[in-house]
Amino acid sequence: MTAETHLQGVEISAAQFFEIWHHYDSDGNGFMDGKELQNFIQELQQARKKAGLDLTPEMKAFVDQYGKSTDGKIGIVELAQVLPTEENFLLFFRCQQLKSSEDFMQTWRKYDSDHSGFIDSEELKSFLKDLLQKANKQIEDSKLTEYTEIMLRMFDANNDGKLELTELARLLPVQENFLIKFQGVKMCAKEFNNAFEMYDQDGNGYIDENELDALLKDLCEKNKKELDVTNLATYKKSIMALSDGGKLYRAELALILCAEEN
């Protein structure tokens, strides 16, 4: 069965949802936008009509919002609100703990307990268990293992069996996912290290809130298309959520600003 065929169904499985997502997120950047989003909307309408089904209220609201917009952008959580699944556990992640990018960064710091820069399968399993409990969803360990495997399939872009910060951040609604914006301004390791040393003005090995403020102001000025200076306070609060008592060390800031080098 194709992704388009799955759109005809009243309910789809988590595996079918996964197939639909990867079909329409054709460039694998973690969201649907532009032609991808328009293709999805068009084929959703056609598939439901072919199956003799009307759009659900959620689908209709979605089409009304994005159907005529060429600059719309949605993430995987927004899609989960549109497509009815048998067990739509993705919606449980819209709980209190993940309502903002700042909360998300604090959650990341908690579960990246070894400060490795990624969450492995066991850390991810604990992360999901905590989130589901906060959503008052009690599940068996076997189901939790299944959810963990599905999450890895959905978000592990480089198939290394673990999730990096930007991969797991796809759980955030697009409008809250400031990390998407920073994807376009990441620096190579040499450039990042030079910048860190420049803004660590007192040379104490970490950047404090004032030093980060200066760095972000300059980044916004140089990258006006990607970064909005009016969101500077939000960027700063979210990034400082990674800090250790107000001390933002090189490794933590690198998660945001340093591009991986192959």
Protein backbone atom coordinates (compact mmCIF):
# COMPACT_ATOMS: atom_id res chain seq x y z
CA MET A 1 0.00 0.00 0.00
CA THR A 2 1.23 3.48 -0.82
CA ALA A 3 1.23 6.54 1.44
CA GLU A 4 -1.57 8.01 -0.66
CA THR A 5 -3.67 4.86 -0.09
CA HIS A 6 -3.21 5.17 3.67
CA LEU A 7 -4.81 8.62 3.49
CA GLN A 8 -8.11 6.96 2.56
CA GLY A 9 -8.43 5.09 5.84
CA VAL A 10 -10.48 6.10 8.85
CA GLU A 11 -7.59 5.07 11.11
CA ILE A 12 -3.98 4.26 10.32
CA SER A 13 -1.31 2.47 12.31
CA ALA A 14 1.83 4.07 13.68
CA ALA A 15 3.82 2.31 10.94
CA GLN A 16 1.53 3.74 8.25
CA PHE A 17 1.83 7.20 9.79
CA PHE A 18 5.60 6.78 9.64
CA GLU A 19 5.38 5.84 5.95
CA ILE A 20 3.20 8.87 5.15
CA TRP A 21 5.56 11.23 6.93
CA HIS A 22 8.64 10.04 5.08
CA HIS A 23 6.81 10.01 1.76
CA TYR A 24 5.86 13.68 1.96
CA ASP A 25 8.93 14.95 3.83
CA SER A 26 10.81 14.08 0.67
CA ASP A 27 13.96 16.06 1.45
CA GLY A 28 14.18 14.68 4.99
CA ASN A 29 14.60 18.05 6.68
CA GLY A 30 12.09 17.26 9.44
CA PHE A 31 9.09 19.20 8.21
CA MET A 32 6.76 19.58 5.24
CA ASP A 33 6.81 22.88 3.45
CA GLY A 34 6.25 24.38 0.02
CA LYS A 35 5.47 21.80 -2.64
CA GLU A 36 5.66 18.93 -0.14
CA LEU A 37 2.87 20.41 1.94
CA GLN A 38 0.74 21.31 -1.07
CA ASN A 39 1.12 17.78 -2.48
CA PHE A 40 0.04 16.31 0.84
CA ILE A 41 -3.06 18.52 1.03
CA GLN A 42 -4.06 17.78 -2.57
CA GLU A 43 -3.61 14.02 -2.21
CA LEU A 44 -5.35 13.98 1.17
CA GLN A 45 -8.43 15.57 -0.38
CA GLN A 46 -8.36 13.25 -3.39
CA ALA A 47 -7.85 10.10 -1.30
CA ARG A 48 -10.72 10.89 1.08
CA LYS A 49 -13.03 11.71 -1.83
CA LYS A 50 -12.07 8.48 -3.61
CA ALA A 51 -12.88 6.52 -0.44
CA GLY A 52 -16.26 8.27 -0.18
CA LEU A 53 -15.24 10.00 3.05
CA ASP A 54 -15.52 13.63 4.02
CA LEU A 55 -12.62 15.44 5.62
CA THR A 56 -12.69 15.23 9.39
CA PRO A 57 -13.08 18.56 11.22
CA GLU A 58 -9.35 18.43 12.00
CA MET A 59 -8.49 17.84 8.34
CA LYS A 60 -10.80 20.62 7.17
CA ALA A 61 -9.28 23.10 9.62
CA PHE A 62 -5.83 22.04 8.45
CA VAL A 63 -6.71 22.50 4.76
CA ASP A 64 -8.27 25.89 5.48
CA GLN A 65 -5.11 26.98 7.28
CA TYR A 66 -2.48 25.70 4.86
CA GLY A 67 -4.28 25.01 1.58
CA LYS A 68 -3.68 28.44 0.05
CA SER A 69 -0.38 29.21 1.73
CA THR A 70 2.81 28.64 -0.24
CA ASP A 71 5.05 29.47 2.72
CA GLY A 72 3.39 27.15 5.27
CA LYS A 73 5.46 24.69 7.27
CA ILE A 74 4.41 21.81 9.54
CA GLY A 75 6.26 19.31 11.67
CA ILE A 76 5.47 15.74 12.55
CA VAL A 77 3.41 16.70 15.62
CA GLU A 78 1.18 18.97 13.54
CA LEU A 79 0.62 16.09 11.10
CA ALA A 80 -0.27 13.81 14.01
CA GLN A 81 -3.13 16.15 14.87
CA VAL A 82 -4.57 15.73 11.37
CA LEU A 83 -4.30 12.01 10.67
CA PRO A 84 -6.29 9.70 12.97
CA THR A 85 -4.16 6.77 14.11
CA GLU A 86 -5.02 3.68 16.10
CA GLU A 87 -2.78 4.84 18.95
CA ASN A 88 -1.64 8.37 18.28
CA PHE A 89 1.00 8.49 20.96
CA LEU A 90 2.67 11.46 19.29
CA LEU A 91 -0.09 13.65 20.62
CA PHE A 92 0.90 12.78 24.18
CA PHE A 93 4.05 14.83 23.67
CA ARG A 94 1.98 18.01 23.59
CA CYS A 95 1.89 17.82 27.35
CA GLN A 96 2.95 20.54 29.75
CA GLN A 97 6.60 19.56 29.71
CA LEU A 98 7.01 20.20 25.99
CA LYS A 99 4.89 23.29 25.54
CA SER A 100 7.88 25.53 24.80
CA SER A 101 11.40 25.30 23.41
CA GLU A 102 12.81 26.29 26.80
CA ASP A 103 11.02 23.38 28.49
CA PHE A 104 12.23 21.07 25.76
CA MET A 105 15.87 22.09 26.28
CA GLN A 106 15.56 21.48 30.02
CA THR A 107 14.11 18.04 29.28
CA TRP A 108 16.98 17.31 26.92
CA ARG A 109 19.54 18.24 29.58
CA LYS A 110 17.84 15.91 32.06
CA TYR A 111 17.81 12.85 29.80
CA ASP A 112 21.14 13.35 28.10
CA SER A 113 22.45 12.30 31.50
CA ASP A 114 25.97 11.48 30.33
CA HIS A 115 26.24 14.77 28.37
CA SER A 116 27.17 12.86 25.23
CA GLY A 117 25.18 15.13 22.91
CA PHE A 118 22.68 12.42 22.06
CA ILE A 119 20.08 10.18 23.69
CA ASP A 120 20.57 6.45 23.22
CA SER A 121 17.74 3.94 23.14
CA GLU A 122 17.66 3.40 26.92
CA GLU A 123 17.70 7.14 27.65
CA LEU A 124 15.00 7.62 25.02
CA LYS A 125 12.88 4.92 26.63
CA SER A 126 13.09 6.73 30.00
CA PHE A 127 12.30 10.02 28.26
CA LEU A 128 9.15 8.57 26.66
CA LYS A 129 8.04 6.84 29.87
CA ASP A 130 8.25 10.12 31.76
CA LEU A 131 6.37 12.06 29.09
CA LEU A 132 3.61 9.47 28.83
CA GLN A 133 3.19 9.41 32.61
CA LYS A 134 2.87 13.20 32.60
CA ALA A 135 0.09 12.75 30.04
CA ASN A 136 -1.58 10.25 32.44
CA LYS A 137 -0.89 7.40 30.01
CA GLN A 138 0.17 4.17 31.71
CA ILE A 139 1.61 1.60 29.32
CA GLU A 140 3.25 -1.81 29.56
CA ASP A 141 7.01 -2.10 29.16
CA SER A 142 6.62 -4.04 25.90
CA LYS A 143 4.53 -1.20 24.45
CA LEU A 144 7.07 1.34 25.67
CA THR A 145 9.80 -0.60 23.87
CA GLU A 146 7.70 -0.57 20.70
CA TYR A 147 7.18 3.20 20.99
CA THR A 148 10.91 3.68 21.48
CA GLU A 149 11.66 1.72 18.32
CA ILE A 150 9.06 3.72 16.37
CA MET A 151 10.53 6.99 17.61
CA LEU A 152 13.97 5.92 16.45
CA ARG A 153 12.56 5.00 13.04
CA MET A 154 10.81 8.35 12.76
CA PHE A 155 13.52 10.66 13.99
CA ASP A 156 16.90 8.93 13.66
CA ALA A 157 17.86 10.62 10.40
CA ASN A 158 21.36 9.12 10.17
CA ASN A 159 20.31 5.63 11.39
CA ASP A 160 22.91 5.43 14.17
CA GLY A 161 20.48 4.10 16.79
CA LYS A 162 20.44 7.27 18.85
CA LEU A 163 18.84 10.69 18.68
CA GLU A 164 20.68 13.98 18.54
CA LEU A 165 19.18 17.20 19.87
CA THR A 166 17.94 18.44 16.50
CA GLU A 167 16.40 15.04 15.71
CA LEU A 168 14.43 14.83 18.96
CA ALA A 169 13.42 18.49 18.63
CA ARG A 170 11.00 17.41 15.90
CA LEU A 171 8.63 16.62 18.77
CA LEU A 172 8.16 20.37 19.10
CA PRO A 173 5.54 22.22 17.09
CA VAL A 174 7.28 24.03 14.22
CA GLN A 175 6.51 27.49 15.62
CA GLU A 176 8.32 26.54 18.85
CA ASN A 177 11.25 24.77 17.21
CA PHE A 178 13.88 27.49 17.22
CA LEU A 179 16.50 24.86 16.36
CA ILE A 180 15.13 24.71 12.82
CA LYS A 181 16.10 28.35 12.41
CA PHE A 182 19.62 27.73 13.71
CA GLN A 183 20.19 24.93 11.18
CA GLY A 184 20.91 27.61 8.57
CA VAL A 185 23.53 29.47 10.63
CA LYS A 186 25.66 26.63 11.97
CA MET A 187 29.44 27.05 11.77
CA CYS A 188 32.27 24.65 11.05
CA ALA A 189 34.26 23.55 14.10
CA LYS A 190 37.10 26.05 13.53
CA GLU A 191 34.71 28.97 13.05
CA PHE A 192 32.67 27.94 16.09
CA ASN A 193 35.74 27.66 18.33
CA ASN A 194 36.93 31.10 17.21
CA ALA A 195 33.48 32.56 17.95
CA PHE A 196 33.33 30.90 21.37
CA GLU A 197 36.70 32.33 22.35
CA MET A 198 35.72 35.76 21.03
CA TYR A 199 32.51 35.96 23.06
CA ASP A 200 33.97 34.30 26.16
CA GLN A 201 35.35 37.72 26.92
CA ASP A 202 36.73 36.93 30.36
CA GLY A 203 38.31 33.67 29.16
CA ASN A 204 36.77 31.58 31.95
CA GLY A 205 35.84 28.68 29.64
CA TYR A 206 32.11 29.27 29.49
CA ILE A 207 29.66 31.86 28.17
CA ASP A 208 27.32 33.59 30.56
CA GLU A 209 23.95 35.15 29.73
CA ASN A 210 25.39 38.56 28.81
CA GLU A 211 28.06 37.07 26.56
CA LEU A 212 25.45 34.88 24.85
CA ASP A 213 23.29 37.95 24.34
CA ALA A 214 26.12 39.67 22.45
CA LEU A 215 26.78 36.56 20.34
CA LEU A 216 23.13 36.15 19.38
CA LYS A 217 22.69 39.82 18.53
CA ASP A 218 25.56 39.57 16.07
CA LEU A 219 24.20 36.31 14.63
CA CYS A 220 20.78 37.88 14.11
CA GLU A 221 22.35 40.87 12.38
CA LYS A 222 24.38 38.66 10.03
CA ASN A 223 21.56 36.19 9.32
CA LYS A 224 18.41 38.29 9.10
CA LYS A 225 16.67 35.81 6.77
CA GLU A 226 16.97 32.91 9.22
CA LEU A 227 16.96 34.64 12.60
CA ASP A 228 14.58 37.31 13.88
CA VAL A 229 16.09 39.77 16.34
CA THR A 230 12.62 40.23 17.91
CA ASN A 231 12.88 36.59 19.09
CA LEU A 232 16.26 37.16 20.70
CA ALA A 233 14.94 36.73 24.25
CA THR A 234 13.33 33.39 23.34
CA TYR A 235 16.50 32.13 21.66
CA LYS A 236 18.56 33.12 24.69
CA LYS A 237 16.23 31.53 27.26
CA SER A 238 16.05 28.29 25.29
CA ILE A 239 19.81 28.03 24.84
CA MET A 240 20.56 28.99 28.45
CA ALA A 241 18.30 26.11 29.53
CA LEU A 242 21.27 23.91 28.55
CA SER A 243 23.59 25.78 30.90
CA ASP A 244 24.96 24.56 34.20
CA GLY A 245 23.90 27.15 36.74
CA GLY A 246 24.14 29.94 34.20
CA LYS A 247 27.40 28.64 32.73
CA LEU A 248 27.08 27.65 29.08
CA TYR A 249 30.05 25.48 28.24
CA ARG A 250 31.51 24.92 24.79
CA ALA A 251 29.99 21.44 24.30
CA GLU A 252 26.46 22.62 25.08
CA LEU A 253 26.62 25.66 22.79
CA ALA A 254 28.12 23.47 20.07
CA LEU A 255 24.85 21.49 19.97
CA ILE A 256 23.16 24.65 18.67
CA LEU A 257 25.81 26.38 16.60
CA CYS A 258 28.40 23.85 15.44
CA ALA A 259 27.75 21.82 12.31
CA GLU A 260 28.83 18.18 12.16
CA GLU A 261 31.81 17.56 9.96
CA ASN A 262 31.88 14.39 7.92
